[in-house]
Amino acid sequence: MTDDLPTEWLRAVLPLAVLAVVAEEETYGYAVAQQLQAGGLGAVKGGTLYPVLNRLEAEGLLTSSWREGVGGPGRKFFAVTPAGRDQLARRSAAWHTFTEQARGLLPDPRSTR
């Protein structure tokens, strides 16, 4: 995670961000971590990421399957379920509403008041 973002913010948004990444295409954990980092969330360690993936799967929002690796070990691939897509749509809308409301309460350091 980037140094200037509090850890609790990452914990709050991580399941939704992971769901969004997997909804883009069927993928595996390391690739999810790379996408999260590229998206600005910083380096998410496996000890943080894999419990989130497993929890989303246990909730029926993701499915997984093991695939033989090409020249290496097998990988566990994750895919979003229809329930996962529904959850992503609902939670994304709620997240945007929440952040807009919070923005209205917080001072904007970029303003020249």
C-alpha atoms as a PDB file:
ATOM      1  CA  MET A   1       0.000   0.000   0.000  1.00  0.00           C
ATOM      2  CA  THR A   2       1.164   3.533  -0.570  1.00  0.00           C
ATOM      3  CA  ASP A   3       2.570   5.242   2.498  1.00  0.00           C
ATOM      4  CA  ASP A   4       0.160   8.158   2.516  1.00  0.00           C
ATOM      5  CA  LEU A   5      -3.027   6.063   2.683  1.00  0.00           C
ATOM      6  CA  PRO A   6      -4.163   4.694   6.050  1.00  0.00           C
ATOM      7  CA  THR A   7      -4.248   0.910   6.337  1.00  0.00           C
ATOM      8  CA  GLU A   8      -7.888   0.926   7.420  1.00  0.00           C
ATOM      9  CA  TRP A   9      -8.869   2.557   4.126  1.00  0.00           C
ATOM     10  CA  LEU A  10      -7.249  -0.292   2.220  1.00  0.00           C
ATOM     11  CA  ARG A  11      -9.002  -2.858   4.411  1.00  0.00           C
ATOM     12  CA  ALA A  12     -12.330  -1.201   3.671  1.00  0.00           C
ATOM     13  CA  VAL A  13     -11.969  -1.049  -0.102  1.00  0.00           C
ATOM     14  CA  LEU A  14      -9.858  -4.151  -0.770  1.00  0.00           C
ATOM     15  CA  PRO A  15     -12.677  -6.715  -1.171  1.00  0.00           C
ATOM     16  CA  LEU A  16     -14.490  -4.433  -3.608  1.00  0.00           C
ATOM     17  CA  ALA A  17     -11.286  -3.667  -5.517  1.00  0.00           C
ATOM     18  CA  VAL A  18     -10.410  -7.374  -5.734  1.00  0.00           C
ATOM     19  CA  LEU A  19     -13.906  -8.161  -6.991  1.00  0.00           C
ATOM     20  CA  ALA A  20     -13.548  -5.434  -9.635  1.00  0.00           C
ATOM     21  CA  VAL A  21     -10.191  -6.793 -10.824  1.00  0.00           C
ATOM     22  CA  VAL A  22     -11.469 -10.370 -11.101  1.00  0.00           C
ATOM     23  CA  ALA A  23     -14.632  -9.147 -12.862  1.00  0.00           C
ATOM     24  CA  GLU A  24     -12.423  -7.804 -15.669  1.00  0.00           C
ATOM     25  CA  GLU A  25     -11.108 -11.270 -16.494  1.00  0.00           C
ATOM     26  CA  GLU A  26     -10.461 -14.657 -14.940  1.00  0.00           C
ATOM     27  CA  THR A  27      -7.130 -14.329 -13.166  1.00  0.00           C
ATOM     28  CA  TYR A  28      -4.893 -15.589 -10.366  1.00  0.00           C
ATOM     29  CA  GLY A  29      -3.736 -14.026  -7.104  1.00  0.00           C
ATOM     30  CA  TYR A  30      -0.367 -12.630  -8.168  1.00  0.00           C
ATOM     31  CA  ALA A  31      -1.947 -10.919 -11.191  1.00  0.00           C
ATOM     32  CA  VAL A  32      -4.653  -9.454  -8.933  1.00  0.00           C
ATOM     33  CA  ALA A  33      -1.948  -8.033  -6.659  1.00  0.00           C
ATOM     34  CA  GLN A  34      -0.180  -6.495  -9.677  1.00  0.00           C
ATOM     35  CA  GLN A  35      -3.418  -4.862 -10.860  1.00  0.00           C
ATOM     36  CA  LEU A  36      -4.114  -3.462  -7.394  1.00  0.00           C
ATOM     37  CA  GLN A  37      -0.626  -1.981  -7.257  1.00  0.00           C
ATOM     38  CA  ALA A  38      -0.952  -0.541 -10.761  1.00  0.00           C
ATOM     39  CA  GLY A  39      -4.278   0.961  -9.690  1.00  0.00           C
ATOM     40  CA  GLY A  40      -2.617   2.898  -6.893  1.00  0.00           C
ATOM     41  CA  LEU A  41      -3.323   0.725  -3.868  1.00  0.00           C
ATOM     42  CA  GLY A  42       0.315  -0.157  -3.384  1.00  0.00           C
ATOM     43  CA  ALA A  43       1.802  -3.585  -2.786  1.00  0.00           C
ATOM     44  CA  VAL A  44      -0.797  -5.936  -1.319  1.00  0.00           C
ATOM     45  CA  LYS A  45       0.900  -8.933   0.272  1.00  0.00           C
ATOM     46  CA  GLY A  46      -0.340 -12.475  -0.245  1.00  0.00           C
ATOM     47  CA  GLY A  47      -1.145 -12.779   3.453  1.00  0.00           C
ATOM     48  CA  THR A  48      -3.653  -9.969   2.970  1.00  0.00           C
ATOM     49  CA  LEU A  49      -4.888 -10.795  -0.536  1.00  0.00           C
ATOM     50  CA  TYR A  50      -5.517 -14.548  -0.375  1.00  0.00           C
ATOM     51  CA  PRO A  51      -7.840 -14.424   2.645  1.00  0.00           C
ATOM     52  CA  VAL A  52      -9.902 -11.810   0.758  1.00  0.00           C
ATOM     53  CA  LEU A  53     -10.054 -14.022  -2.350  1.00  0.00           C
ATOM     54  CA  ASN A  54     -11.026 -17.031  -0.239  1.00  0.00           C
ATOM     55  CA  ARG A  55     -13.690 -15.051   1.635  1.00  0.00           C
ATOM     56  CA  LEU A  56     -15.195 -13.789  -1.641  1.00  0.00           C
ATOM     57  CA  GLU A  57     -15.267 -17.367  -2.885  1.00  0.00           C
ATOM     58  CA  ALA A  58     -16.898 -18.611   0.342  1.00  0.00           C
ATOM     59  CA  GLU A  59     -19.554 -15.901  -0.081  1.00  0.00           C
ATOM     60  CA  GLY A  60     -20.321 -17.197  -3.590  1.00  0.00           C
ATOM     61  CA  LEU A  61     -19.003 -14.077  -5.317  1.00  0.00           C
ATOM     62  CA  LEU A  62     -16.044 -15.851  -6.938  1.00  0.00           C
ATOM     63  CA  THR A  63     -15.304 -19.356  -8.132  1.00  0.00           C
ATOM     64  CA  SER A  64     -11.881 -20.907  -8.478  1.00  0.00           C
ATOM     65  CA  SER A  65     -10.157 -23.677 -10.377  1.00  0.00           C
ATOM     66  CA  TRP A  66      -6.617 -25.028 -10.373  1.00  0.00           C
ATOM     67  CA  ARG A  67      -4.745 -24.975 -13.650  1.00  0.00           C
ATOM     68  CA  GLU A  68      -1.477 -26.599 -14.573  1.00  0.00           C
ATOM     69  CA  GLY A  69       1.324 -24.084 -14.869  1.00  0.00           C
ATOM     70  CA  VAL A  70       3.329 -23.615 -18.042  1.00  0.00           C
ATOM     71  CA  GLY A  71       6.876 -24.390 -16.984  1.00  0.00           C
ATOM     72  CA  GLY A  72       6.055 -23.846 -13.320  1.00  0.00           C
ATOM     73  CA  PRO A  73       3.652 -24.723 -10.538  1.00  0.00           C
ATOM     74  CA  GLY A  74      -0.106 -24.777 -10.991  1.00  0.00           C
ATOM     75  CA  ARG A  75      -2.158 -21.679 -10.279  1.00  0.00           C
ATOM     76  CA  LYS A  76      -5.524 -21.115  -8.704  1.00  0.00           C
ATOM     77  CA  PHE A  77      -7.585 -18.989 -11.080  1.00  0.00           C
ATOM     78  CA  PHE A  78     -10.549 -16.941  -9.883  1.00  0.00           C
ATOM     79  CA  ALA A  79     -13.632 -15.895 -11.848  1.00  0.00           C
ATOM     80  CA  VAL A  80     -16.532 -13.710 -10.812  1.00  0.00           C
ATOM     81  CA  THR A  81     -19.993 -15.268 -10.436  1.00  0.00           C
ATOM     82  CA  PRO A  82     -23.288 -13.628 -11.427  1.00  0.00           C
ATOM     83  CA  ALA A  83     -23.828 -12.891  -7.721  1.00  0.00           C
ATOM     84  CA  GLY A  84     -20.367 -11.316  -7.676  1.00  0.00           C
ATOM     85  CA  ARG A  85     -21.245  -9.048 -10.603  1.00  0.00           C
ATOM     86  CA  ASP A  86     -24.451  -7.990  -8.845  1.00  0.00           C
ATOM     87  CA  GLN A  87     -22.552  -7.325  -5.617  1.00  0.00           C
ATOM     88  CA  LEU A  88     -19.905  -5.347  -7.514  1.00  0.00           C
ATOM     89  CA  ALA A  89     -22.538  -3.121  -9.112  1.00  0.00           C
ATOM     90  CA  ARG A  90     -24.380  -2.503  -5.822  1.00  0.00           C
ATOM     91  CA  ARG A  91     -21.285  -1.955  -3.699  1.00  0.00           C
ATOM     92  CA  SER A  92     -19.585   0.241  -6.301  1.00  0.00           C
ATOM     93  CA  ALA A  93     -22.622   2.523  -6.394  1.00  0.00           C
ATOM     94  CA  ALA A  94     -22.709   2.621  -2.594  1.00  0.00           C
ATOM     95  CA  TRP A  95     -18.958   3.327  -2.409  1.00  0.00           C
ATOM     96  CA  HIS A  96     -19.257   6.273  -4.816  1.00  0.00           C
ATOM     97  CA  THR A  97     -22.185   7.677  -2.830  1.00  0.00           C
ATOM     98  CA  PHE A  98     -20.242   7.278   0.415  1.00  0.00           C
ATOM     99  CA  THR A  99     -17.092   8.950  -0.890  1.00  0.00           C
ATOM    100  CA  GLU A 100     -19.074  11.854  -2.351  1.00  0.00           C
ATOM    101  CA  GLN A 101     -20.808  12.395   0.983  1.00  0.00           C
ATOM    102  CA  ALA A 102     -17.508  12.217   2.867  1.00  0.00           C
ATOM    103  CA  ARG A 103     -15.946  14.635   0.392  1.00  0.00           C
ATOM    104  CA  GLY A 104     -18.667  17.145   1.217  1.00  0.00           C
ATOM    105  CA  LEU A 105     -17.674  17.032   4.879  1.00  0.00           C
ATOM    106  CA  LEU A 106     -13.912  17.242   4.493  1.00  0.00           C
ATOM    107  CA  PRO A 107     -11.937  20.380   3.683  1.00  0.00           C
ATOM    108  CA  ASP A 108     -10.306  20.369   0.271  1.00  0.00           C
ATOM    109  CA  PRO A 109      -6.589  21.164   0.698  1.00  0.00           C
ATOM    110  CA  ARG A 110      -6.463  22.234  -2.952  1.00  0.00           C
ATOM    111  CA  SER A 111      -8.954  25.074  -2.455  1.00  0.00           C
ATOM    112  CA  THR A 112      -7.683  28.628  -1.970  1.00  0.00           C
ATOM    113  CA  ARG A 113     -10.091  29.747   0.722  1.00  0.00           C
END
